[in-house]
Structures are given as structure tokens and as C-alpha cells.
N, C-alpha and C. Protein backbone atom coordinates (compact mmCIF):
# COMPACT_ATOMS: atom_id res chain seq x y z
N MET A 1 106.41 76.29 107.33
CA MET A 1 105.12 76.78 107.82
C MET A 1 104.88 76.41 109.29
N GLU A 2 105.31 75.17 109.65
CA GLU A 2 105.14 74.74 111.03
C GLU A 2 105.96 75.61 111.98
N ASP A 3 107.15 76.04 111.52
CA ASP A 3 107.98 76.92 112.34
C ASP A 3 107.27 78.24 112.60
N ILE A 4 106.58 78.75 111.59
CA ILE A 4 105.84 80.00 111.74
C ILE A 4 104.72 79.83 112.75
N ARG A 5 103.97 78.74 112.63
CA ARG A 5 102.87 78.50 113.56
C ARG A 5 103.38 78.34 114.99
N GLU A 6 104.51 77.64 115.12
CA GLU A 6 105.08 77.44 116.46
C GLU A 6 105.53 78.77 117.06
N THR A 7 106.15 79.61 116.24
CA THR A 7 106.59 80.93 116.72
C THR A 7 105.39 81.76 117.16
N ILE A 8 104.32 81.74 116.39
CA ILE A 8 103.14 82.51 116.74
C ILE A 8 102.50 81.97 118.02
N ARG A 9 102.50 80.67 118.20
CA ARG A 9 102.00 80.10 119.45
C ARG A 9 102.82 80.60 120.64
N ASN A 10 104.13 80.65 120.47
CA ASN A 10 105.00 81.13 121.55
C ASN A 10 104.78 82.62 121.81
N ILE A 11 104.53 83.38 120.75
CA ILE A 11 104.25 84.81 120.91
C ILE A 11 102.97 85.00 121.72
N LYS A 12 101.97 84.21 121.43
CA LYS A 12 100.70 84.36 122.14
C LYS A 12 100.81 83.93 123.60
N LYS A 13 101.70 83.00 123.89
CA LYS A 13 101.96 82.67 125.29
C LYS A 13 102.52 83.89 126.03
N GLU A 14 103.41 84.60 125.34
CA GLU A 14 103.97 85.82 125.93
C GLU A 14 102.89 86.89 126.12
N LEU A 15 102.02 87.01 125.14
CA LEU A 15 100.94 88.01 125.23
C LEU A 15 100.04 87.74 126.43
N ARG A 16 99.77 86.50 126.69
CA ARG A 16 98.88 86.15 127.81
C ARG A 16 99.50 86.53 129.15
N LEU A 17 100.82 86.56 129.21
CA LEU A 17 101.49 86.95 130.45
C LEU A 17 101.26 88.42 130.78
N TYR A 18 101.04 89.22 129.74
CA TYR A 18 100.90 90.67 129.94
C TYR A 18 99.47 91.17 129.69
N MET A 19 98.55 90.25 129.47
CA MET A 19 97.19 90.68 129.12
C MET A 19 96.57 91.47 130.27
N ASN A 20 95.76 92.46 129.88
CA ASN A 20 95.15 93.37 130.85
C ASN A 20 93.68 93.55 130.48
N GLY A 21 92.79 92.94 131.26
CA GLY A 21 91.37 92.97 130.95
C GLY A 21 90.77 94.37 130.98
N VAL A 22 91.22 95.19 131.92
CA VAL A 22 90.68 96.55 132.02
C VAL A 22 91.04 97.36 130.78
N THR A 23 92.31 97.28 130.39
CA THR A 23 92.75 97.99 129.18
C THR A 23 92.02 97.47 127.95
N SER A 24 91.83 96.17 127.88
CA SER A 24 91.11 95.58 126.75
C SER A 24 89.69 96.14 126.64
N MET A 25 89.01 96.22 127.76
CA MET A 25 87.64 96.77 127.76
C MET A 25 87.63 98.23 127.35
N GLN A 26 88.61 98.99 127.81
CA GLN A 26 88.70 100.40 127.45
C GLN A 26 88.91 100.57 125.95
N GLN A 27 89.76 99.72 125.37
CA GLN A 27 90.03 99.81 123.94
C GLN A 27 88.81 99.43 123.12
N ARG A 28 88.04 98.49 123.60
CA ARG A 28 86.79 98.13 122.90
C ARG A 28 85.80 99.29 122.96
N LYS A 29 85.77 99.98 124.08
CA LYS A 29 84.87 101.13 124.21
C LYS A 29 85.28 102.26 123.26
N LEU A 30 86.56 102.29 122.91
CA LEU A 30 87.04 103.30 121.96
C LEU A 30 86.70 102.94 120.52
N GLY A 31 86.11 101.75 120.33
CA GLY A 31 85.66 101.37 118.99
C GLY A 31 86.49 100.31 118.30
N MET A 32 87.49 99.78 118.98
CA MET A 32 88.31 98.73 118.37
C MET A 32 87.51 97.42 118.34
N ALA A 33 87.26 96.92 117.16
CA ALA A 33 86.40 95.74 117.00
C ALA A 33 87.20 94.51 116.58
N TYR A 34 88.34 94.30 117.20
CA TYR A 34 89.12 93.11 116.91
C TYR A 34 88.42 91.87 117.49
N ASN A 35 88.76 90.72 116.96
CA ASN A 35 88.27 89.47 117.55
C ASN A 35 88.83 89.30 118.96
N ILE A 36 90.11 89.65 119.11
CA ILE A 36 90.77 89.53 120.41
C ILE A 36 91.57 90.80 120.68
N ILE A 37 91.46 91.31 121.90
CA ILE A 37 92.32 92.40 122.37
C ILE A 37 92.89 91.96 123.71
N PHE A 38 94.19 91.75 123.76
CA PHE A 38 94.82 91.33 125.01
C PHE A 38 95.01 92.50 125.97
N GLY A 39 95.03 93.73 125.44
CA GLY A 39 95.23 94.90 126.29
C GLY A 39 96.68 95.10 126.71
N VAL A 40 97.62 94.59 125.91
CA VAL A 40 99.04 94.70 126.23
C VAL A 40 99.56 96.07 125.82
N SER A 41 100.32 96.72 126.70
CA SER A 41 100.87 98.03 126.39
C SER A 41 101.95 97.92 125.33
N PHE A 42 102.22 99.03 124.62
CA PHE A 42 103.23 98.97 123.57
C PHE A 42 104.64 98.71 124.12
N PRO A 43 105.02 99.29 125.27
CA PRO A 43 106.35 98.94 125.82
C PRO A 43 106.49 97.44 126.06
N HIS A 44 105.44 96.79 126.53
CA HIS A 44 105.50 95.34 126.71
C HIS A 44 105.55 94.61 125.37
N LEU A 45 104.88 95.16 124.36
CA LEU A 45 104.95 94.56 123.02
C LEU A 45 106.38 94.63 122.48
N ARG A 46 107.04 95.74 122.71
CA ARG A 46 108.45 95.85 122.29
C ARG A 46 109.31 94.82 123.02
N GLU A 47 109.01 94.62 124.29
CA GLU A 47 109.75 93.62 125.08
C GLU A 47 109.53 92.22 124.51
N ILE A 48 108.29 91.91 124.17
CA ILE A 48 107.98 90.60 123.59
C ILE A 48 108.68 90.44 122.24
N ALA A 49 108.61 91.48 121.40
CA ALA A 49 109.24 91.42 120.08
C ALA A 49 110.73 91.16 120.19
N GLY A 50 111.35 91.70 121.24
CA GLY A 50 112.79 91.51 121.43
C GLY A 50 113.19 90.08 121.72
N LYS A 51 112.22 89.24 122.05
CA LYS A 51 112.52 87.83 122.34
C LYS A 51 112.49 86.96 121.08
N PHE A 52 112.08 87.56 119.95
CA PHE A 52 111.95 86.79 118.72
C PHE A 52 112.75 87.46 117.60
N SER A 53 113.21 86.65 116.67
CA SER A 53 113.94 87.18 115.51
C SER A 53 112.95 87.80 114.53
N GLN A 54 113.41 88.84 113.84
CA GLN A 54 112.58 89.40 112.79
C GLN A 54 112.43 88.39 111.67
N ASP A 55 111.21 88.21 111.20
CA ASP A 55 110.93 87.17 110.21
C ASP A 55 109.74 87.60 109.37
N ALA A 56 109.92 87.64 108.05
CA ALA A 56 108.86 88.11 107.16
C ALA A 56 107.62 87.21 107.24
N GLY A 57 107.84 85.90 107.27
CA GLY A 57 106.72 84.97 107.32
C GLY A 57 105.90 85.13 108.58
N VAL A 58 106.57 85.27 109.70
CA VAL A 58 105.88 85.45 110.98
C VAL A 58 105.13 86.78 110.99
N ALA A 59 105.81 87.84 110.54
CA ALA A 59 105.19 89.16 110.54
C ALA A 59 103.94 89.20 109.66
N LYS A 60 104.01 88.64 108.48
CA LYS A 60 102.87 88.65 107.57
C LYS A 60 101.73 87.80 108.11
N ALA A 61 102.05 86.68 108.76
CA ALA A 61 101.02 85.84 109.36
C ALA A 61 100.33 86.57 110.52
N LEU A 62 101.12 87.27 111.33
CA LEU A 62 100.56 88.03 112.44
C LEU A 62 99.65 89.14 111.93
N TRP A 63 100.06 89.80 110.85
CA TRP A 63 99.27 90.91 110.32
C TRP A 63 97.89 90.44 109.86
N LYS A 64 97.79 89.22 109.38
CA LYS A 64 96.52 88.71 108.88
C LYS A 64 95.51 88.43 110.00
N GLU A 65 96.00 88.30 111.23
CA GLU A 65 95.11 87.98 112.34
C GLU A 65 94.32 89.21 112.79
N ASN A 66 93.09 88.98 113.15
CA ASN A 66 92.24 90.08 113.63
C ASN A 66 92.40 90.24 115.14
N ILE A 67 93.66 90.47 115.53
CA ILE A 67 94.04 90.63 116.93
C ILE A 67 94.87 91.91 117.04
N ARG A 68 94.52 92.78 117.96
CA ARG A 68 95.23 94.06 118.08
C ARG A 68 96.73 93.87 118.22
N GLU A 69 97.14 93.07 119.16
CA GLU A 69 98.56 92.91 119.44
C GLU A 69 99.31 92.22 118.31
N SER A 70 98.64 91.35 117.58
CA SER A 70 99.28 90.69 116.44
C SER A 70 99.64 91.70 115.36
N LYS A 71 98.72 92.65 115.11
CA LYS A 71 98.99 93.69 114.11
C LYS A 71 100.23 94.51 114.49
N LEU A 72 100.29 94.90 115.76
CA LEU A 72 101.40 95.74 116.20
C LEU A 72 102.72 94.97 116.22
N LEU A 73 102.67 93.71 116.62
CA LEU A 73 103.88 92.90 116.61
C LEU A 73 104.35 92.62 115.18
N ALA A 74 103.42 92.54 114.24
CA ALA A 74 103.80 92.36 112.84
C ALA A 74 104.69 93.51 112.39
N ILE A 75 104.35 94.72 112.78
CA ILE A 75 105.15 95.89 112.42
C ILE A 75 106.53 95.81 113.04
N LEU A 76 106.60 95.34 114.29
CA LEU A 76 107.88 95.26 114.99
C LEU A 76 108.77 94.14 114.47
N LEU A 77 108.17 93.06 113.96
CA LEU A 77 108.95 91.88 113.57
C LEU A 77 109.23 91.79 112.08
N LEU A 78 108.74 92.75 111.30
CA LEU A 78 109.00 92.72 109.86
C LEU A 78 110.43 93.16 109.56
N PRO A 79 111.20 92.37 108.82
CA PRO A 79 112.57 92.78 108.46
C PRO A 79 112.56 94.00 107.53
N ALA A 80 113.58 94.82 107.64
CA ALA A 80 113.65 96.06 106.87
C ALA A 80 113.60 95.82 105.37
N GLU A 81 114.17 94.71 104.91
CA GLU A 81 114.19 94.47 103.46
C GLU A 81 112.80 94.17 102.90
N CYS A 82 111.81 93.99 103.76
CA CYS A 82 110.44 93.71 103.31
C CYS A 82 109.53 94.93 103.42
N TYR A 83 110.05 96.04 103.91
CA TYR A 83 109.20 97.22 104.13
C TYR A 83 108.48 97.64 102.85
N ALA A 84 109.23 97.76 101.76
CA ALA A 84 108.64 98.24 100.50
C ALA A 84 107.59 97.28 99.96
N ASP A 85 107.75 95.99 100.26
CA ASP A 85 106.83 94.98 99.73
C ASP A 85 105.43 95.09 100.34
N VAL A 86 105.35 95.52 101.60
CA VAL A 86 104.06 95.48 102.30
C VAL A 86 103.45 96.86 102.53
N ALA A 87 104.20 97.93 102.28
CA ALA A 87 103.77 99.27 102.67
C ALA A 87 102.36 99.61 102.17
N GLU A 88 102.15 99.54 100.88
CA GLU A 88 100.85 99.92 100.30
C GLU A 88 99.73 99.02 100.84
N GLN A 89 99.98 97.73 100.88
CA GLN A 89 98.96 96.79 101.33
C GLN A 89 98.57 97.04 102.78
N TRP A 90 99.56 97.23 103.64
CA TRP A 90 99.27 97.38 105.06
C TRP A 90 98.57 98.70 105.36
N ILE A 91 98.90 99.75 104.63
CA ILE A 91 98.14 101.00 104.82
C ILE A 91 96.67 100.75 104.50
N GLY A 92 96.42 100.10 103.37
CA GLY A 92 95.05 99.85 102.95
C GLY A 92 94.29 98.96 103.91
N GLU A 93 95.01 98.15 104.68
CA GLU A 93 94.36 97.23 105.61
C GLU A 93 94.32 97.75 107.04
N CYS A 94 94.85 98.96 107.26
CA CYS A 94 94.76 99.58 108.60
C CYS A 94 93.31 99.96 108.88
N ARG A 95 92.78 99.46 109.96
CA ARG A 95 91.42 99.83 110.36
C ARG A 95 91.42 100.92 111.42
N TYR A 96 92.52 101.05 112.14
CA TYR A 96 92.58 102.00 113.25
C TYR A 96 93.86 102.83 113.17
N ARG A 97 93.78 104.04 113.67
CA ARG A 97 94.92 104.95 113.56
C ARG A 97 96.09 104.51 114.43
N GLU A 98 95.84 103.72 115.44
CA GLU A 98 96.95 103.20 116.23
C GLU A 98 97.91 102.42 115.34
N ASN A 99 97.37 101.56 114.48
CA ASN A 99 98.21 100.81 113.56
C ASN A 99 98.94 101.74 112.61
N ALA A 100 98.22 102.72 112.07
CA ALA A 100 98.81 103.66 111.12
C ALA A 100 99.94 104.46 111.76
N ASP A 101 99.76 104.85 113.02
CA ASP A 101 100.79 105.62 113.72
C ASP A 101 102.10 104.84 113.79
N HIS A 102 102.02 103.58 114.19
CA HIS A 102 103.23 102.77 114.32
C HIS A 102 103.78 102.36 112.95
N LEU A 103 102.90 102.14 112.00
CA LEU A 103 103.34 101.80 110.65
C LEU A 103 104.15 102.93 110.04
N ALA A 104 103.66 104.16 110.17
CA ALA A 104 104.37 105.32 109.62
C ALA A 104 105.71 105.52 110.32
N HIS A 105 105.71 105.39 111.63
CA HIS A 105 106.91 105.66 112.42
C HIS A 105 108.00 104.63 112.20
N ARG A 106 107.61 103.36 112.06
CA ARG A 106 108.59 102.29 112.06
C ARG A 106 108.89 101.70 110.68
N ILE A 107 108.01 101.95 109.71
CA ILE A 107 108.20 101.35 108.38
C ILE A 107 108.17 102.39 107.27
N LEU A 108 107.09 103.15 107.18
CA LEU A 108 106.89 104.02 106.02
C LEU A 108 107.97 105.09 105.88
N CYS A 109 108.37 105.71 106.97
CA CYS A 109 109.37 106.78 106.87
C CYS A 109 110.77 106.24 106.60
N LYS A 110 110.94 104.91 106.61
CA LYS A 110 112.25 104.32 106.35
C LYS A 110 112.38 103.76 104.93
N LEU A 111 111.35 103.95 104.13
CA LEU A 111 111.42 103.52 102.73
C LEU A 111 112.42 104.39 101.98
N PRO A 112 113.14 103.84 101.01
CA PRO A 112 114.13 104.64 100.28
C PRO A 112 113.52 105.80 99.50
N ASP A 113 112.27 105.64 99.06
CA ASP A 113 111.58 106.71 98.32
C ASP A 113 110.42 107.25 99.16
N ALA A 114 110.65 107.36 100.45
CA ALA A 114 109.58 107.71 101.39
C ALA A 114 108.89 109.03 101.05
N ILE A 115 109.65 110.05 100.67
CA ILE A 115 109.04 111.35 100.40
C ILE A 115 108.08 111.26 99.22
N ASP A 116 108.53 110.69 98.12
CA ASP A 116 107.67 110.60 96.94
C ASP A 116 106.43 109.76 97.22
N ARG A 117 106.60 108.67 97.92
CA ARG A 117 105.45 107.81 98.20
C ARG A 117 104.49 108.50 99.18
N ALA A 118 105.04 109.19 100.17
CA ALA A 118 104.19 109.90 101.12
C ALA A 118 103.37 110.98 100.43
N LEU A 119 103.99 111.70 99.49
CA LEU A 119 103.26 112.73 98.76
C LEU A 119 102.13 112.12 97.93
N GLU A 120 102.38 110.95 97.37
CA GLU A 120 101.31 110.25 96.64
C GLU A 120 100.17 109.89 97.58
N TRP A 121 100.52 109.40 98.76
CA TRP A 121 99.48 108.99 99.71
C TRP A 121 98.65 110.18 100.18
N THR A 122 99.27 111.35 100.34
CA THR A 122 98.51 112.50 100.83
C THR A 122 97.40 112.90 99.87
N SER A 123 97.57 112.60 98.58
CA SER A 123 96.54 112.97 97.60
C SER A 123 95.54 111.84 97.37
N ASN A 124 95.70 110.74 98.09
CA ASN A 124 94.77 109.61 97.95
C ASN A 124 93.46 109.94 98.65
N GLU A 125 92.34 109.68 97.98
CA GLU A 125 91.04 110.02 98.55
C GLU A 125 90.67 109.14 99.74
N LYS A 126 91.36 108.02 99.91
CA LYS A 126 91.09 107.16 101.05
C LYS A 126 91.76 107.75 102.29
N GLU A 127 90.99 107.91 103.35
CA GLU A 127 91.44 108.65 104.53
C GLU A 127 92.73 108.10 105.14
N MET A 128 92.85 106.78 105.25
CA MET A 128 94.01 106.23 105.93
C MET A 128 95.29 106.45 105.14
N TYR A 129 95.20 106.44 103.81
CA TYR A 129 96.39 106.73 103.00
C TYR A 129 96.84 108.17 103.22
N SER A 130 95.89 109.09 103.19
CA SER A 130 96.21 110.49 103.39
C SER A 130 96.82 110.71 104.78
N TYR A 131 96.21 110.10 105.78
CA TYR A 131 96.70 110.21 107.15
C TYR A 131 98.14 109.70 107.25
N CYS A 132 98.40 108.53 106.69
CA CYS A 132 99.74 107.96 106.73
C CYS A 132 100.74 108.80 105.95
N GLY A 133 100.28 109.39 104.85
CA GLY A 133 101.16 110.23 104.05
C GLY A 133 101.67 111.42 104.84
N TYR A 134 100.77 112.15 105.50
CA TYR A 134 101.19 113.32 106.27
C TYR A 134 101.97 112.93 107.51
N LEU A 135 101.60 111.81 108.13
CA LEU A 135 102.32 111.35 109.30
C LEU A 135 103.75 110.97 108.93
N THR A 136 103.90 110.31 107.78
CA THR A 136 105.23 109.93 107.30
C THR A 136 106.07 111.17 107.01
N LEU A 137 105.47 112.16 106.36
CA LEU A 137 106.19 113.40 106.09
C LEU A 137 106.62 114.08 107.39
N SER A 138 105.77 114.06 108.40
CA SER A 138 106.12 114.66 109.68
C SER A 138 107.37 114.01 110.27
N HIS A 139 107.41 112.68 110.23
CA HIS A 139 108.59 111.98 110.74
C HIS A 139 109.83 112.36 109.93
N LEU A 140 109.68 112.45 108.62
CA LEU A 140 110.82 112.78 107.76
C LEU A 140 111.31 114.19 108.00
N PHE A 141 110.37 115.15 108.12
CA PHE A 141 110.76 116.54 108.36
C PHE A 141 111.42 116.69 109.73
N ARG A 142 110.91 115.95 110.70
CA ARG A 142 111.50 116.00 112.04
C ARG A 142 112.95 115.50 112.00
N GLY A 143 113.22 114.61 111.07
CA GLY A 143 114.58 114.09 110.92
C GLY A 143 115.46 114.92 110.01
N GLY A 144 114.93 116.05 109.52
CA GLY A 144 115.74 116.96 108.71
C GLY A 144 115.57 116.83 107.20
N ALA A 145 114.61 116.03 106.75
CA ALA A 145 114.40 115.87 105.31
C ALA A 145 113.90 117.18 104.68
N THR A 146 114.26 117.41 103.43
CA THR A 146 113.81 118.59 102.70
C THR A 146 113.13 118.14 101.40
N LEU A 147 112.49 119.08 100.73
CA LEU A 147 111.78 118.79 99.49
C LEU A 147 112.42 119.52 98.32
N THR A 148 112.35 118.89 97.16
CA THR A 148 112.74 119.59 95.95
C THR A 148 111.63 120.59 95.60
N LYS A 149 111.89 121.44 94.61
CA LYS A 149 110.89 122.42 94.20
C LYS A 149 109.61 121.73 93.74
N GLU A 150 109.76 120.66 92.98
CA GLU A 150 108.59 119.93 92.49
C GLU A 150 107.84 119.24 93.63
N GLN A 151 108.58 118.65 94.55
CA GLN A 151 107.94 118.00 95.69
C GLN A 151 107.22 119.01 96.57
N GLU A 152 107.83 120.17 96.76
CA GLU A 152 107.21 121.21 97.57
C GLU A 152 105.89 121.67 96.95
N GLN A 153 105.86 121.80 95.63
CA GLN A 153 104.63 122.20 94.93
C GLN A 153 103.52 121.18 95.20
N LEU A 154 103.84 119.90 95.10
CA LEU A 154 102.86 118.85 95.38
C LEU A 154 102.40 118.90 96.84
N PHE A 155 103.34 119.15 97.71
CA PHE A 155 103.04 119.23 99.14
C PHE A 155 102.06 120.37 99.43
N PHE A 156 102.36 121.54 98.89
CA PHE A 156 101.49 122.69 99.11
C PHE A 156 100.11 122.49 98.49
N GLU A 157 100.07 121.90 97.31
CA GLU A 157 98.78 121.66 96.66
C GLU A 157 97.90 120.73 97.51
N GLY A 158 98.51 119.69 98.04
CA GLY A 158 97.75 118.77 98.88
C GLY A 158 97.29 119.43 100.16
N LEU A 159 98.16 120.24 100.75
CA LEU A 159 97.80 120.95 101.98
C LEU A 159 96.62 121.88 101.77
N SER A 160 96.63 122.60 100.66
CA SER A 160 95.54 123.55 100.40
C SER A 160 94.21 122.83 100.31
N ALA A 161 94.20 121.64 99.73
CA ALA A 161 92.96 120.87 99.62
C ALA A 161 92.47 120.42 100.99
N HIS A 162 93.39 119.99 101.85
CA HIS A 162 92.98 119.51 103.17
C HIS A 162 92.58 120.65 104.09
N ILE A 163 93.21 121.79 103.94
CA ILE A 163 92.83 122.95 104.75
C ILE A 163 91.44 123.44 104.35
N ALA A 164 91.17 123.41 103.05
CA ALA A 164 89.86 123.86 102.56
C ALA A 164 88.75 122.90 102.97
N ASP A 165 89.06 121.61 103.05
CA ASP A 165 88.07 120.60 103.40
C ASP A 165 88.49 119.95 104.71
N ASN A 166 87.92 120.42 105.80
CA ASN A 166 88.31 119.94 107.13
C ASN A 166 87.38 118.83 107.60
N ALA A 167 86.86 118.04 106.65
CA ALA A 167 85.87 117.01 107.00
C ALA A 167 86.49 115.93 107.89
N VAL A 168 87.73 115.58 107.62
CA VAL A 168 88.41 114.57 108.43
C VAL A 168 89.41 115.29 109.32
N LYS A 169 89.01 115.54 110.54
CA LYS A 169 89.80 116.38 111.44
C LYS A 169 91.20 115.82 111.67
N GLU A 170 91.31 114.50 111.87
CA GLU A 170 92.63 113.91 112.15
C GLU A 170 93.59 114.12 110.99
N ASN A 171 93.08 114.05 109.76
CA ASN A 171 93.94 114.24 108.60
C ASN A 171 94.37 115.69 108.46
N ALA A 172 93.43 116.61 108.70
CA ALA A 172 93.77 118.03 108.64
C ALA A 172 94.80 118.38 109.70
N THR A 173 94.65 117.78 110.88
CA THR A 173 95.61 118.02 111.96
C THR A 173 97.00 117.54 111.58
N GLN A 174 97.07 116.35 110.98
CA GLN A 174 98.37 115.82 110.55
C GLN A 174 98.97 116.65 109.43
N ALA A 175 98.13 117.16 108.55
CA ALA A 175 98.62 118.00 107.45
C ALA A 175 99.26 119.27 108.00
N LEU A 176 98.60 119.91 108.95
CA LEU A 176 99.14 121.13 109.53
C LEU A 176 100.40 120.85 110.36
N LYS A 177 100.44 119.68 110.99
CA LYS A 177 101.64 119.32 111.75
C LYS A 177 102.83 119.15 110.80
N ALA A 178 102.59 118.50 109.67
CA ALA A 178 103.67 118.33 108.69
C ALA A 178 104.14 119.68 108.17
N LEU A 179 103.20 120.58 107.91
CA LEU A 179 103.56 121.92 107.44
C LEU A 179 104.37 122.67 108.49
N THR A 180 103.96 122.56 109.74
CA THR A 180 104.68 123.23 110.82
C THR A 180 106.13 122.73 110.90
N LEU A 181 106.30 121.44 110.81
CA LEU A 181 107.65 120.88 110.88
C LEU A 181 108.48 121.28 109.66
N TYR A 182 107.85 121.38 108.51
CA TYR A 182 108.57 121.74 107.29
C TYR A 182 109.00 123.21 107.32
N CYS A 183 108.15 124.07 107.85
CA CYS A 183 108.42 125.50 107.82
C CYS A 183 109.10 126.04 109.08
N ASP A 184 109.15 125.23 110.12
CA ASP A 184 109.66 125.72 111.40
C ASP A 184 111.06 126.33 111.24
N GLU A 185 111.16 127.58 111.68
CA GLU A 185 112.42 128.32 111.67
C GLU A 185 112.99 128.49 110.27
N ASP A 186 112.12 128.46 109.26
CA ASP A 186 112.56 128.70 107.88
C ASP A 186 111.60 129.71 107.26
N ASP A 187 111.95 130.98 107.34
CA ASP A 187 111.07 132.05 106.87
C ASP A 187 110.78 131.95 105.38
N GLU A 188 111.74 131.47 104.61
CA GLU A 188 111.54 131.38 103.17
C GLU A 188 110.46 130.35 102.83
N ARG A 189 110.48 129.20 103.51
CA ARG A 189 109.44 128.20 103.26
C ARG A 189 108.07 128.71 103.68
N GLU A 190 108.04 129.36 104.83
CA GLU A 190 106.77 129.92 105.30
C GLU A 190 106.24 130.94 104.30
N ALA A 191 107.13 131.80 103.80
CA ALA A 191 106.71 132.83 102.84
C ALA A 191 106.22 132.20 101.54
N ARG A 192 106.89 131.14 101.09
CA ARG A 192 106.46 130.47 99.86
C ARG A 192 105.07 129.87 100.02
N PHE A 193 104.81 129.27 101.21
CA PHE A 193 103.49 128.69 101.42
C PHE A 193 102.42 129.77 101.51
N ASN A 194 102.70 130.85 102.20
CA ASN A 194 101.72 131.93 102.31
C ASN A 194 101.43 132.55 100.95
N THR A 195 102.45 132.67 100.11
CA THR A 195 102.25 133.18 98.76
C THR A 195 101.40 132.21 97.94
N PHE A 196 101.66 130.94 98.11
CA PHE A 196 100.90 129.91 97.40
C PHE A 196 99.43 129.96 97.80
N MET A 197 99.16 130.14 99.09
CA MET A 197 97.78 130.12 99.59
C MET A 197 97.05 131.43 99.31
N GLY A 198 97.78 132.53 99.17
CA GLY A 198 97.13 133.80 98.89
C GLY A 198 96.83 134.59 100.16
N PRO A 199 96.37 135.83 100.01
CA PRO A 199 96.19 136.73 101.16
C PRO A 199 95.10 136.29 102.14
N GLU A 200 94.21 135.40 101.71
CA GLU A 200 93.12 135.00 102.61
C GLU A 200 93.58 134.01 103.67
N TYR A 201 94.78 133.45 103.51
CA TYR A 201 95.28 132.49 104.47
C TYR A 201 96.74 132.78 104.77
N THR A 202 97.07 132.92 106.02
CA THR A 202 98.46 133.12 106.44
C THR A 202 98.77 132.14 107.55
N PHE A 203 99.79 131.36 107.33
CA PHE A 203 100.17 130.36 108.31
C PHE A 203 101.43 130.81 109.04
N CYS A 204 101.37 130.78 110.35
CA CYS A 204 102.53 131.14 111.16
C CYS A 204 102.87 129.93 112.03
N PRO A 205 103.83 129.13 111.62
CA PRO A 205 104.14 127.91 112.37
C PRO A 205 104.63 128.20 113.78
N SER A 206 104.28 127.30 114.66
CA SER A 206 104.70 127.41 116.06
C SER A 206 105.07 126.04 116.57
N LYS A 207 106.12 125.95 117.35
CA LYS A 207 106.54 124.67 117.92
C LYS A 207 105.45 124.09 118.82
N GLU A 208 104.59 124.95 119.36
CA GLU A 208 103.51 124.46 120.21
C GLU A 208 102.50 123.65 119.44
N ASP A 209 102.47 123.82 118.11
CA ASP A 209 101.50 123.08 117.29
C ASP A 209 101.96 121.66 117.00
N VAL A 210 103.22 121.36 117.24
CA VAL A 210 103.77 120.07 116.85
C VAL A 210 103.69 119.08 118.00
């Protein structure tokens, strides 16, 4: 435990070297209500993370802190073998989409059952789960992932619900982005979705939407 505390102290020394008061104030104005915001850019956070070994104990301790940079460094320092252990919990504890964006990109899309879990998250009534679900699918589709017939049915059903209810704009945007990536340059997928949605809705994917 002392090793973990010492590592975190050293990490915070690094953070202070890159702290930016102007950026910190801007992030607070955007609604981030952390106890501490150092205002460190993500490229600098990657640089700091590169100075430390990946460690589950350190990552989990950092995640518990109400500090913007600690949350992001937790994602960078978590070992791959621990991704599945924390995925559900960390989504539920995301307060801001910045965390969710990096969580989906660096952890969620690398889970061995990422597609099935992402589809489950898209149907979750909690906004952050749905957001992470579609964001994860977008990363997977961009990497060439495909869906089985059953998975595609679940995907289309979830999309129809989010298109019909545009109450959470960010989630609807992510849903359409995932659809665009899934159907891009595949006329058969596009036709299947349009048939599923019916004549009142026709989706024509465009690379400009992604």
C-alpha cells in the first residue's frame, strides 16, 4: 500500500509540472466539478503515464480520487488483464463524457466480448452506459468488426429507440455515428436497416457524418 501511495505522490509531482491554471478555469466553466483540476493536456498525461509502470493498484486508487487528471491517468495505467474487472463499474462512475471517451477508446473496445457488452450497454436506460455502448461500437466498426444476424437485430432495435427519442443529443449522435460506420460502403447493411425502420425513415450513411 505504501508503494501505491508513493507512486501517486510522484505522479502528482509530475502533474504539477504541467499544470495550467487557464485551462483549469476553462474546464470548470464547462461544468467539471472535480475537487482538483490541474488543467494538464492529454498528450502530457500520456507522457506522464509513460514514466510509470502499469499497475492495477495504482490505477484503481487514482480512479477513486475526485481529480480530473487522476481519472484519466487511471485509464492509461490500468493493465489489460484488469479491463474486464473494472469496465462496468467505471462506466457507472463516469461523471463526464471526457472520461467515457477515453474509457471506450482505451479499455471497453479491447474487451474480448466487447460487441456483446456494448450492445447491452446501448439498451441501458442510464445515459452514460448507452453513450459508452455506441462509442465502443464505433471504435469496433472502425476497426473492421462485424455483427452476427442476432447482434445486428439488437443493434437496429436499439438504434430505432434512440432515433425516436432524441432527448439526449450526445447519445443520439453516437448512435448515428455507429450506424454510419457499420453501414459505410455496404449497401446490403444499409438496405437491411432501412427495411427494419420502414418507409418513414431512410438512412443514407456518409463519411462526412463520422
